[in-house]
Amino acid sequence: MLKQRVITAVVLLALLLPALFAPVAWPFALLTLVLIGAAGWEWGRLNEGGPLSITLGVLLALACAAALAAGWTAGAPVWPWWAALLLWVLGGAWALRRGVANWPTLPAALRWALGLLLLWTAWLALANARWLGINFILSVFCLVWVADIAAYFGGRAFGRRKLAPSISPGKSWEGVWSGAAGVLVLALAWRWLDTRVAVDSASLYTRLADRLGVPGLLIAVAALAAMSVVGDLFESLVKRSAGAKDSSGLLPGHGGVLDRVDALLPVFPIALALASL
């Protein structure tokens, strides 16, 4: 298993890093379009899509391609970010409160449409974040990664109170607070580095501090850390309702695409919404 994980990670990095650091933004948009189309297929499989799951993935990829052709990957209007914020905050809270058993009671067509909309918005936010600059997109990626790593170690060291035992038994409230603390330190350190290191663009943290002040920055990044947990829990809920351990086996040793991007899905559009203030 470890060997599979390492090989898969190396292959993914060999594809993603050249696309991410290319002098133009479209290679990254195109590569992530393929990945998000695969995530659309996985979403269909987890939500009673059956043979239609491939069609759902293709439709999602075509919707992303249409946005790419329309130039929306470079300076999209801000309404998709705010729509995604409302969907994730209100809809995420509603779905998690209702629990695993109630998710399948929603009509399958509604679940398909909701998932494809959230995936499309997340891909569009990824593409726009890359267009804003390498420093900006890396600052958002690192927020999610640090929140996850700090939550893991904080939960192992201090975890006592379960966060959502019926959805993800391993998560604790102490892990959530540890993740939030980790991103607060990251945000302050990154903003300090922005003023002392030559970068291609302002990071998310510098943009938020300039617009909202340091208190607003800290509140915003703590909220983004919380939304990364919501994304993780939401995907776990959907998988449990489908009786699946992984979203697919597309990434040997890692599960599926959704398993790797679940926490990113709400964070990127919400980060762009906050940065647009």
C-alpha atoms as a PDB file:
ATOM      1  CA  MET A   1       0.000   0.000   0.000  1.00  0.00           C
ATOM      2  CA  LEU A   2       2.772   2.444   0.928  1.00  0.00           C
ATOM      3  CA  LYS A   3       4.578   1.718  -2.340  1.00  0.00           C
ATOM      4  CA  GLN A   4       1.366   2.378  -4.288  1.00  0.00           C
ATOM      5  CA  ARG A   5       0.795   5.652  -2.431  1.00  0.00           C
ATOM      6  CA  VAL A   6       4.324   6.852  -3.119  1.00  0.00           C
ATOM      7  CA  ILE A   7       4.223   5.934  -6.825  1.00  0.00           C
ATOM      8  CA  THR A   8       0.827   7.605  -7.282  1.00  0.00           C
ATOM      9  CA  ALA A   9       1.986  10.736  -5.450  1.00  0.00           C
ATOM     10  CA  VAL A  10       5.129  10.971  -7.585  1.00  0.00           C
ATOM     11  CA  VAL A  11       3.138  10.614 -10.820  1.00  0.00           C
ATOM     12  CA  LEU A  12       0.623  13.246  -9.709  1.00  0.00           C
ATOM     13  CA  LEU A  13       3.378  15.670  -8.744  1.00  0.00           C
ATOM     14  CA  ALA A  14       5.133  15.063 -12.066  1.00  0.00           C
ATOM     15  CA  LEU A  15       1.949  16.150 -13.830  1.00  0.00           C
ATOM     16  CA  LEU A  16       0.738  18.905 -11.501  1.00  0.00           C
ATOM     17  CA  LEU A  17       3.940  20.798 -10.737  1.00  0.00           C
ATOM     18  CA  PRO A  18       4.901  21.614 -14.366  1.00  0.00           C
ATOM     19  CA  ALA A  19       1.308  22.687 -15.043  1.00  0.00           C
ATOM     20  CA  LEU A  20       1.175  24.799 -11.890  1.00  0.00           C
ATOM     21  CA  PHE A  21       4.489  26.571 -12.531  1.00  0.00           C
ATOM     22  CA  ALA A  22       4.021  26.995 -16.286  1.00  0.00           C
ATOM     23  CA  PRO A  23       4.431  30.621 -17.445  1.00  0.00           C
ATOM     24  CA  VAL A  24       0.770  30.682 -18.502  1.00  0.00           C
ATOM     25  CA  ALA A  25      -2.291  29.567 -16.542  1.00  0.00           C
ATOM     26  CA  TRP A  26      -4.121  27.368 -19.067  1.00  0.00           C
ATOM     27  CA  PRO A  27      -2.082  24.117 -18.606  1.00  0.00           C
ATOM     28  CA  PHE A  28      -3.106  24.005 -14.940  1.00  0.00           C
ATOM     29  CA  ALA A  29      -6.718  24.787 -15.841  1.00  0.00           C
ATOM     30  CA  LEU A  30      -6.739  22.015 -18.449  1.00  0.00           C
ATOM     31  CA  LEU A  31      -5.161  19.377 -16.214  1.00  0.00           C
ATOM     32  CA  THR A  32      -7.476  20.144 -13.300  1.00  0.00           C
ATOM     33  CA  LEU A  33     -10.417  20.087 -15.728  1.00  0.00           C
ATOM     34  CA  VAL A  34      -9.639  16.426 -16.439  1.00  0.00           C
ATOM     35  CA  LEU A  35      -9.373  15.670 -12.723  1.00  0.00           C
ATOM     36  CA  ILE A  36     -12.610  17.452 -11.869  1.00  0.00           C
ATOM     37  CA  GLY A  37     -14.373  15.564 -14.650  1.00  0.00           C
ATOM     38  CA  ALA A  38     -13.214  12.352 -12.970  1.00  0.00           C
ATOM     39  CA  ALA A  39     -14.545  13.703  -9.666  1.00  0.00           C
ATOM     40  CA  GLY A  40     -17.911  14.251 -11.381  1.00  0.00           C
ATOM     41  CA  TRP A  41     -17.941  10.588 -12.396  1.00  0.00           C
ATOM     42  CA  GLU A  42     -17.156   9.592  -8.810  1.00  0.00           C
ATOM     43  CA  TRP A  43     -19.942  11.816  -7.511  1.00  0.00           C
ATOM     44  CA  GLY A  44     -22.424  10.067  -9.791  1.00  0.00           C
ATOM     45  CA  ARG A  45     -21.269   6.636  -8.596  1.00  0.00           C
ATOM     46  CA  LEU A  46     -21.744   7.670  -4.960  1.00  0.00           C
ATOM     47  CA  ASN A  47     -25.229   9.034  -5.646  1.00  0.00           C
ATOM     48  CA  GLU A  48     -27.016   6.255  -7.519  1.00  0.00           C
ATOM     49  CA  GLY A  49     -25.818   7.447 -10.913  1.00  0.00           C
ATOM     50  CA  GLY A  50     -25.080   3.971 -12.207  1.00  0.00           C
ATOM     51  CA  PRO A  51     -24.368   4.007 -15.964  1.00  0.00           C
ATOM     52  CA  LEU A  52     -25.162   7.745 -16.029  1.00  0.00           C
ATOM     53  CA  SER A  53     -22.102   8.499 -13.893  1.00  0.00           C
ATOM     54  CA  ILE A  54     -19.807   8.731 -16.930  1.00  0.00           C
ATOM     55  CA  THR A  55     -22.266  11.104 -18.571  1.00  0.00           C
ATOM     56  CA  LEU A  56     -22.273  13.281 -15.458  1.00  0.00           C
ATOM     57  CA  GLY A  57     -18.480  13.437 -15.505  1.00  0.00           C
ATOM     58  CA  VAL A  58     -18.460  14.368 -19.191  1.00  0.00           C
ATOM     59  CA  LEU A  59     -21.107  17.060 -18.663  1.00  0.00           C
ATOM     60  CA  LEU A  60     -19.062  18.556 -15.840  1.00  0.00           C
ATOM     61  CA  ALA A  61     -15.907  18.564 -17.969  1.00  0.00           C
ATOM     62  CA  LEU A  62     -17.825  20.234 -20.824  1.00  0.00           C
ATOM     63  CA  ALA A  63     -19.161  22.907 -18.443  1.00  0.00           C
ATOM     64  CA  CYS A  64     -15.602  23.590 -17.313  1.00  0.00           C
ATOM     65  CA  ALA A  65     -14.412  23.696 -20.924  1.00  0.00           C
ATOM     66  CA  ALA A  66     -17.162  26.211 -21.736  1.00  0.00           C
ATOM     67  CA  ALA A  67     -15.964  28.464 -18.907  1.00  0.00           C
ATOM     68  CA  LEU A  68     -12.388  28.091 -20.175  1.00  0.00           C
ATOM     69  CA  ALA A  69     -13.434  29.021 -23.716  1.00  0.00           C
ATOM     70  CA  ALA A  70     -15.412  32.016 -22.421  1.00  0.00           C
ATOM     71  CA  GLY A  71     -12.356  33.368 -20.618  1.00  0.00           C
ATOM     72  CA  TRP A  72     -13.805  32.859 -17.154  1.00  0.00           C
ATOM     73  CA  THR A  73     -10.608  31.221 -15.907  1.00  0.00           C
ATOM     74  CA  ALA A  74      -9.013  34.682 -15.969  1.00  0.00           C
ATOM     75  CA  GLY A  75     -11.084  37.075 -13.903  1.00  0.00           C
ATOM     76  CA  ALA A  76     -14.455  35.376 -13.549  1.00  0.00           C
ATOM     77  CA  PRO A  77     -17.375  37.384 -12.121  1.00  0.00           C
ATOM     78  CA  VAL A  78     -17.601  37.212  -8.336  1.00  0.00           C
ATOM     79  CA  TRP A  79     -21.131  35.801  -8.086  1.00  0.00           C
ATOM     80  CA  PRO A  80     -20.046  32.114  -8.357  1.00  0.00           C
ATOM     81  CA  TRP A  81     -17.859  32.558  -5.259  1.00  0.00           C
ATOM     82  CA  TRP A  82     -20.674  34.036  -3.191  1.00  0.00           C
ATOM     83  CA  ALA A  83     -23.156  31.447  -4.453  1.00  0.00           C
ATOM     84  CA  ALA A  84     -20.714  28.705  -3.430  1.00  0.00           C
ATOM     85  CA  LEU A  85     -20.246  30.340  -0.022  1.00  0.00           C
ATOM     86  CA  LEU A  86     -23.997  30.262   0.613  1.00  0.00           C
ATOM     87  CA  LEU A  87     -24.314  26.677  -0.622  1.00  0.00           C
ATOM     88  CA  TRP A  88     -21.442  25.420   1.512  1.00  0.00           C
ATOM     89  CA  VAL A  89     -22.313  27.315   4.687  1.00  0.00           C
ATOM     90  CA  LEU A  90     -26.079  26.813   4.646  1.00  0.00           C
ATOM     91  CA  GLY A  91     -26.310  23.580   2.653  1.00  0.00           C
ATOM     92  CA  GLY A  92     -23.310  22.013   4.368  1.00  0.00           C
ATOM     93  CA  ALA A  93     -24.717  22.715   7.821  1.00  0.00           C
ATOM     94  CA  TRP A  94     -28.122  21.371   6.749  1.00  0.00           C
ATOM     95  CA  ALA A  95     -26.701  18.145   5.268  1.00  0.00           C
ATOM     96  CA  LEU A  96     -24.414  17.437   8.229  1.00  0.00           C
ATOM     97  CA  ARG A  97     -27.221  18.099  10.691  1.00  0.00           C
ATOM     98  CA  ARG A  98     -29.560  15.683   8.874  1.00  0.00           C
ATOM     99  CA  GLY A  99     -26.887  12.983   8.891  1.00  0.00           C
ATOM    100  CA  VAL A 100     -25.945   9.990   6.797  1.00  0.00           C
ATOM    101  CA  ALA A 101     -29.349   8.296   6.766  1.00  0.00           C
ATOM    102  CA  ASN A 102     -31.183  11.310   5.348  1.00  0.00           C
ATOM    103  CA  TRP A 103     -28.838  12.128   2.469  1.00  0.00           C
ATOM    104  CA  PRO A 104     -30.257   9.412   0.140  1.00  0.00           C
ATOM    105  CA  THR A 105     -33.794  10.702   0.748  1.00  0.00           C
ATOM    106  CA  LEU A 106     -33.038  13.665  -1.514  1.00  0.00           C
ATOM    107  CA  PRO A 107     -33.953  13.011  -5.167  1.00  0.00           C
ATOM    108  CA  ALA A 108     -30.968  11.613  -7.038  1.00  0.00           C
ATOM    109  CA  ALA A 109     -31.253  14.276  -9.761  1.00  0.00           C
ATOM    110  CA  LEU A 110     -31.013  17.013  -7.122  1.00  0.00           C
ATOM    111  CA  ARG A 111     -27.939  15.404  -5.595  1.00  0.00           C
ATOM    112  CA  TRP A 112     -26.323  15.108  -9.027  1.00  0.00           C
ATOM    113  CA  ALA A 113     -27.009  18.755  -9.858  1.00  0.00           C
ATOM    114  CA  LEU A 114     -25.793  19.983  -6.473  1.00  0.00           C
ATOM    115  CA  GLY A 115     -22.558  18.007  -6.678  1.00  0.00           C
ATOM    116  CA  LEU A 116     -21.772  19.073 -10.235  1.00  0.00           C
ATOM    117  CA  LEU A 117     -22.442  22.720  -9.362  1.00  0.00           C
ATOM    118  CA  LEU A 118     -20.116  22.591  -6.355  1.00  0.00           C
ATOM    119  CA  LEU A 119     -17.412  20.808  -8.364  1.00  0.00           C
ATOM    120  CA  TRP A 120     -17.695  23.260 -11.262  1.00  0.00           C
ATOM    121  CA  THR A 121     -17.420  26.243  -8.929  1.00  0.00           C
ATOM    122  CA  ALA A 122     -14.420  24.710  -7.160  1.00  0.00           C
ATOM    123  CA  TRP A 123     -12.645  24.102 -10.492  1.00  0.00           C
ATOM    124  CA  LEU A 124     -13.379  27.647 -11.657  1.00  0.00           C
ATOM    125  CA  ALA A 125     -12.000  28.991  -8.366  1.00  0.00           C
ATOM    126  CA  LEU A 126      -8.850  26.865  -8.761  1.00  0.00           C
ATOM    127  CA  ALA A 127      -8.292  28.206 -12.281  1.00  0.00           C
ATOM    128  CA  ASN A 128      -8.852  31.805 -11.166  1.00  0.00           C
ATOM    129  CA  ALA A 129      -6.553  31.378  -8.179  1.00  0.00           C
ATOM    130  CA  ARG A 130      -3.799  30.228 -10.541  1.00  0.00           C
ATOM    131  CA  TRP A 131      -4.457  33.227 -12.779  1.00  0.00           C
ATOM    132  CA  LEU A 132      -4.073  35.527  -9.760  1.00  0.00           C
ATOM    133  CA  GLY A 133      -0.581  34.149  -9.192  1.00  0.00           C
ATOM    134  CA  ILE A 134       1.530  31.299  -7.876  1.00  0.00           C
ATOM    135  CA  ASN A 135       1.923  32.897  -4.458  1.00  0.00           C
ATOM    136  CA  PHE A 136      -1.835  33.323  -4.148  1.00  0.00           C
ATOM    137  CA  ILE A 137      -2.805  29.775  -5.106  1.00  0.00           C
ATOM    138  CA  LEU A 138      -0.060  28.229  -2.962  1.00  0.00           C
ATOM    139  CA  SER A 139      -1.236  30.238   0.046  1.00  0.00           C
ATOM    140  CA  VAL A 140      -4.718  28.697  -0.314  1.00  0.00           C
ATOM    141  CA  PHE A 141      -3.396  25.174  -0.861  1.00  0.00           C
ATOM    142  CA  CYS A 142      -1.161  25.476   2.195  1.00  0.00           C
ATOM    143  CA  LEU A 143      -4.036  26.716   4.338  1.00  0.00           C
ATOM    144  CA  VAL A 144      -5.908  23.469   3.674  1.00  0.00           C
ATOM    145  CA  TRP A 145      -2.831  21.292   4.114  1.00  0.00           C
ATOM    146  CA  VAL A 146      -1.744  22.959   7.367  1.00  0.00           C
ATOM    147  CA  ALA A 147      -5.293  22.804   8.755  1.00  0.00           C
ATOM    148  CA  ASP A 148      -5.393  19.069   8.001  1.00  0.00           C
ATOM    149  CA  ILE A 149      -1.922  18.301   9.374  1.00  0.00           C
ATOM    150  CA  ALA A 150      -2.377  20.382  12.534  1.00  0.00           C
ATOM    151  CA  ALA A 151      -5.819  18.841  13.101  1.00  0.00           C
ATOM    152  CA  TYR A 152      -4.367  15.334  12.736  1.00  0.00           C
ATOM    153  CA  PHE A 153      -1.566  15.825  15.253  1.00  0.00           C
ATOM    154  CA  GLY A 154      -3.689  17.948  17.598  1.00  0.00           C
ATOM    155  CA  GLY A 155      -6.447  15.354  17.526  1.00  0.00           C
ATOM    156  CA  ARG A 156      -4.016  12.524  18.265  1.00  0.00           C
ATOM    157  CA  ALA A 157      -2.444  14.431  21.148  1.00  0.00           C
ATOM    158  CA  PHE A 158      -5.479  16.070  22.721  1.00  0.00           C
ATOM    159  CA  GLY A 159      -8.583  14.580  21.088  1.00  0.00           C
ATOM    160  CA  ARG A 160     -11.310  13.762  23.595  1.00  0.00           C
ATOM    161  CA  ARG A 161     -14.633  15.079  22.262  1.00  0.00           C
ATOM    162  CA  LYS A 162     -15.834  13.551  19.001  1.00  0.00           C
ATOM    163  CA  LEU A 163     -16.798  16.041  16.300  1.00  0.00           C
ATOM    164  CA  ALA A 164     -19.147  13.900  14.193  1.00  0.00           C
ATOM    165  CA  PRO A 165     -18.906  10.262  15.322  1.00  0.00           C
ATOM    166  CA  SER A 166     -21.567   8.963  12.923  1.00  0.00           C
ATOM    167  CA  ILE A 167     -19.817  10.545   9.921  1.00  0.00           C
ATOM    168  CA  SER A 168     -16.089  10.550  10.698  1.00  0.00           C
ATOM    169  CA  PRO A 169     -15.295   8.861  14.033  1.00  0.00           C
ATOM    170  CA  GLY A 170     -11.646   9.903  13.977  1.00  0.00           C
ATOM    171  CA  LYS A 171     -12.278  13.647  14.071  1.00  0.00           C
ATOM    172  CA  SER A 172     -12.406  15.586  17.330  1.00  0.00           C
ATOM    173  CA  TRP A 173     -13.170  19.131  18.398  1.00  0.00           C
ATOM    174  CA  GLU A 174      -9.621  19.402  19.721  1.00  0.00           C
ATOM    175  CA  GLY A 175      -8.376  18.562  16.232  1.00  0.00           C
ATOM    176  CA  VAL A 176     -10.533  21.345  14.781  1.00  0.00           C
ATOM    177  CA  TRP A 177      -9.103  23.898  17.217  1.00  0.00           C
ATOM    178  CA  SER A 178      -5.574  22.679  16.490  1.00  0.00           C
ATOM    179  CA  GLY A 179      -6.174  23.094  12.759  1.00  0.00           C
ATOM    180  CA  ALA A 180      -7.486  26.617  13.281  1.00  0.00           C
ATOM    181  CA  ALA A 181      -4.451  27.508  15.410  1.00  0.00           C
ATOM    182  CA  GLY A 182      -2.156  26.151  12.721  1.00  0.00           C
ATOM    183  CA  VAL A 183      -3.640  28.314   9.973  1.00  0.00           C
ATOM    184  CA  LEU A 184      -3.541  31.435  12.174  1.00  0.00           C
ATOM    185  CA  VAL A 185       0.206  30.978  12.582  1.00  0.00           C
ATOM    186  CA  LEU A 186       0.562  30.232   8.869  1.00  0.00           C
ATOM    187  CA  ALA A 187      -1.363  33.365   7.863  1.00  0.00           C
ATOM    188  CA  LEU A 188       0.709  35.704  10.027  1.00  0.00           C
ATOM    189  CA  ALA A 189       3.999  34.116   8.961  1.00  0.00           C
ATOM    190  CA  TRP A 190       3.099  34.149   5.254  1.00  0.00           C
ATOM    191  CA  ARG A 191       1.970  37.790   5.380  1.00  0.00           C
ATOM    192  CA  TRP A 192       5.268  38.705   7.066  1.00  0.00           C
ATOM    193  CA  LEU A 193       7.214  36.863   4.339  1.00  0.00           C
ATOM    194  CA  ASP A 194       5.227  38.641   1.606  1.00  0.00           C
ATOM    195  CA  THR A 195       6.747  41.924   2.755  1.00  0.00           C
ATOM    196  CA  ARG A 196      10.305  40.579   2.681  1.00  0.00           C
ATOM    197  CA  VAL A 197      10.489  38.141  -0.227  1.00  0.00           C
ATOM    198  CA  ALA A 198       9.967  38.956  -3.894  1.00  0.00           C
ATOM    199  CA  VAL A 199       6.775  37.179  -5.025  1.00  0.00           C
ATOM    200  CA  ASP A 200       4.742  37.164  -8.226  1.00  0.00           C
ATOM    201  CA  SER A 201       1.496  38.138  -6.501  1.00  0.00           C
ATOM    202  CA  ALA A 202      -0.029  38.973  -3.137  1.00  0.00           C
ATOM    203  CA  SER A 203      -1.001  35.934  -1.094  1.00  0.00           C
ATOM    204  CA  LEU A 204      -4.514  35.370   0.181  1.00  0.00           C
ATOM    205  CA  TYR A 205      -3.327  36.513   3.616  1.00  0.00           C
ATOM    206  CA  THR A 206      -1.908  39.812   2.387  1.00  0.00           C
ATOM    207  CA  ARG A 207      -5.073  40.527   0.402  1.00  0.00           C
ATOM    208  CA  LEU A 208      -7.281  39.823   3.419  1.00  0.00           C
ATOM    209  CA  ALA A 209      -5.091  41.869   5.781  1.00  0.00           C
ATOM    210  CA  ASP A 210      -5.098  44.829   3.371  1.00  0.00           C
ATOM    211  CA  ARG A 211      -8.884  44.711   3.056  1.00  0.00           C
ATOM    212  CA  LEU A 212     -10.001  43.585   6.509  1.00  0.00           C
ATOM    213  CA  GLY A 213      -7.084  44.360   8.815  1.00  0.00           C
ATOM    214  CA  VAL A 214      -5.253  41.774  10.920  1.00  0.00           C
ATOM    215  CA  PRO A 215      -8.316  40.921  13.087  1.00  0.00           C
ATOM    216  CA  GLY A 216     -10.367  40.381   9.941  1.00  0.00           C
ATOM    217  CA  LEU A 217      -7.572  38.251   8.472  1.00  0.00           C
ATOM    218  CA  LEU A 218      -7.520  35.978  11.520  1.00  0.00           C
ATOM    219  CA  ILE A 219     -11.302  35.582  11.549  1.00  0.00           C
ATOM    220  CA  ALA A 220     -11.359  34.860   7.803  1.00  0.00           C
ATOM    221  CA  VAL A 221      -8.644  32.186   7.847  1.00  0.00           C
ATOM    222  CA  ALA A 222     -10.198  30.510  10.892  1.00  0.00           C
ATOM    223  CA  ALA A 223     -13.486  30.381   8.991  1.00  0.00           C
ATOM    224  CA  LEU A 224     -11.706  28.894   5.951  1.00  0.00           C
ATOM    225  CA  ALA A 225     -10.121  26.232   8.168  1.00  0.00           C
ATOM    226  CA  ALA A 226     -13.595  25.392   9.470  1.00  0.00           C
ATOM    227  CA  MET A 227     -14.933  25.123   5.921  1.00  0.00           C
ATOM    228  CA  SER A 228     -12.150  22.691   5.018  1.00  0.00           C
ATOM    229  CA  VAL A 229     -13.530  20.460   7.783  1.00  0.00           C
ATOM    230  CA  VAL A 230     -17.052  20.855   6.382  1.00  0.00           C
ATOM    231  CA  GLY A 231     -15.823  19.745   2.939  1.00  0.00           C
ATOM    232  CA  ASP A 232     -14.113  16.702   4.432  1.00  0.00           C
ATOM    233  CA  LEU A 233     -17.151  15.752   6.527  1.00  0.00           C
ATOM    234  CA  PHE A 234     -19.573  16.263   3.651  1.00  0.00           C
ATOM    235  CA  GLU A 235     -17.675  13.866   1.393  1.00  0.00           C
ATOM    236  CA  SER A 236     -17.452  11.346   4.248  1.00  0.00           C
ATOM    237  CA  LEU A 237     -21.216  11.634   4.719  1.00  0.00           C
ATOM    238  CA  VAL A 238     -21.869  10.942   1.036  1.00  0.00           C
ATOM    239  CA  LYS A 239     -19.485   7.965   1.028  1.00  0.00           C
ATOM    240  CA  ARG A 240     -21.066   6.481   4.151  1.00  0.00           C
ATOM    241  CA  SER A 241     -24.542   6.857   2.688  1.00  0.00           C
ATOM    242  CA  ALA A 242     -23.315   4.915  -0.364  1.00  0.00           C
ATOM    243  CA  GLY A 243     -21.509   2.308   1.758  1.00  0.00           C
ATOM    244  CA  ALA A 244     -18.177   3.190   0.133  1.00  0.00           C
ATOM    245  CA  LYS A 245     -14.764   3.485   1.766  1.00  0.00           C
ATOM    246  CA  ASP A 246     -13.257   5.528  -1.086  1.00  0.00           C
ATOM    247  CA  SER A 247     -14.837   7.639  -3.820  1.00  0.00           C
ATOM    248  CA  SER A 248     -13.138   5.355  -6.392  1.00  0.00           C
ATOM    249  CA  GLY A 249      -9.869   3.533  -7.053  1.00  0.00           C
ATOM    250  CA  LEU A 250      -8.579   6.004  -9.656  1.00  0.00           C
ATOM    251  CA  LEU A 251      -5.575   6.956  -7.534  1.00  0.00           C
ATOM    252  CA  PRO A 252      -4.033   3.696  -6.277  1.00  0.00           C
ATOM    253  CA  GLY A 253      -3.217   3.925  -2.595  1.00  0.00           C
ATOM    254  CA  HIS A 254      -5.090   7.223  -2.256  1.00  0.00           C
ATOM    255  CA  GLY A 255      -8.662   6.336  -3.228  1.00  0.00           C
ATOM    256  CA  GLY A 256     -10.339   8.680  -5.677  1.00  0.00           C
ATOM    257  CA  VAL A 257     -10.074  12.291  -6.769  1.00  0.00           C
ATOM    258  CA  LEU A 258     -12.829  13.376  -4.365  1.00  0.00           C
ATOM    259  CA  ASP A 259     -10.917  11.792  -1.495  1.00  0.00           C
ATOM    260  CA  ARG A 260      -7.954  14.069  -2.243  1.00  0.00           C
ATOM    261  CA  VAL A 261      -9.798  17.321  -2.939  1.00  0.00           C
ATOM    262  CA  ASP A 262     -12.782  17.205  -0.545  1.00  0.00           C
ATOM    263  CA  ALA A 263     -11.382  19.839   1.833  1.00  0.00           C
ATOM    264  CA  LEU A 264     -10.356  22.067  -1.091  1.00  0.00           C
ATOM    265  CA  LEU A 265     -13.833  22.196  -2.640  1.00  0.00           C
ATOM    266  CA  PRO A 266     -15.357  24.805  -0.302  1.00  0.00           C
ATOM    267  CA  VAL A 267     -12.131  26.631   0.549  1.00  0.00           C
ATOM    268  CA  PHE A 268     -11.117  27.874  -2.897  1.00  0.00           C
ATOM    269  CA  PRO A 269     -14.381  29.601  -3.909  1.00  0.00           C
ATOM    270  CA  ILE A 270     -14.887  31.017  -0.401  1.00  0.00           C
ATOM    271  CA  ALA A 271     -11.296  32.293  -0.376  1.00  0.00           C
ATOM    272  CA  LEU A 272     -11.949  34.109  -3.658  1.00  0.00           C
ATOM    273  CA  ALA A 273     -15.211  35.505  -2.275  1.00  0.00           C
ATOM    274  CA  LEU A 274     -13.374  36.933   0.742  1.00  0.00           C
ATOM    275  CA  ALA A 275     -10.507  38.219  -1.418  1.00  0.00           C
ATOM    276  CA  SER A 276     -13.045  40.066  -3.596  1.00  0.00           C
ATOM    277  CA  LEU A 277     -14.304  42.183  -0.692  1.00  0.00           C
END
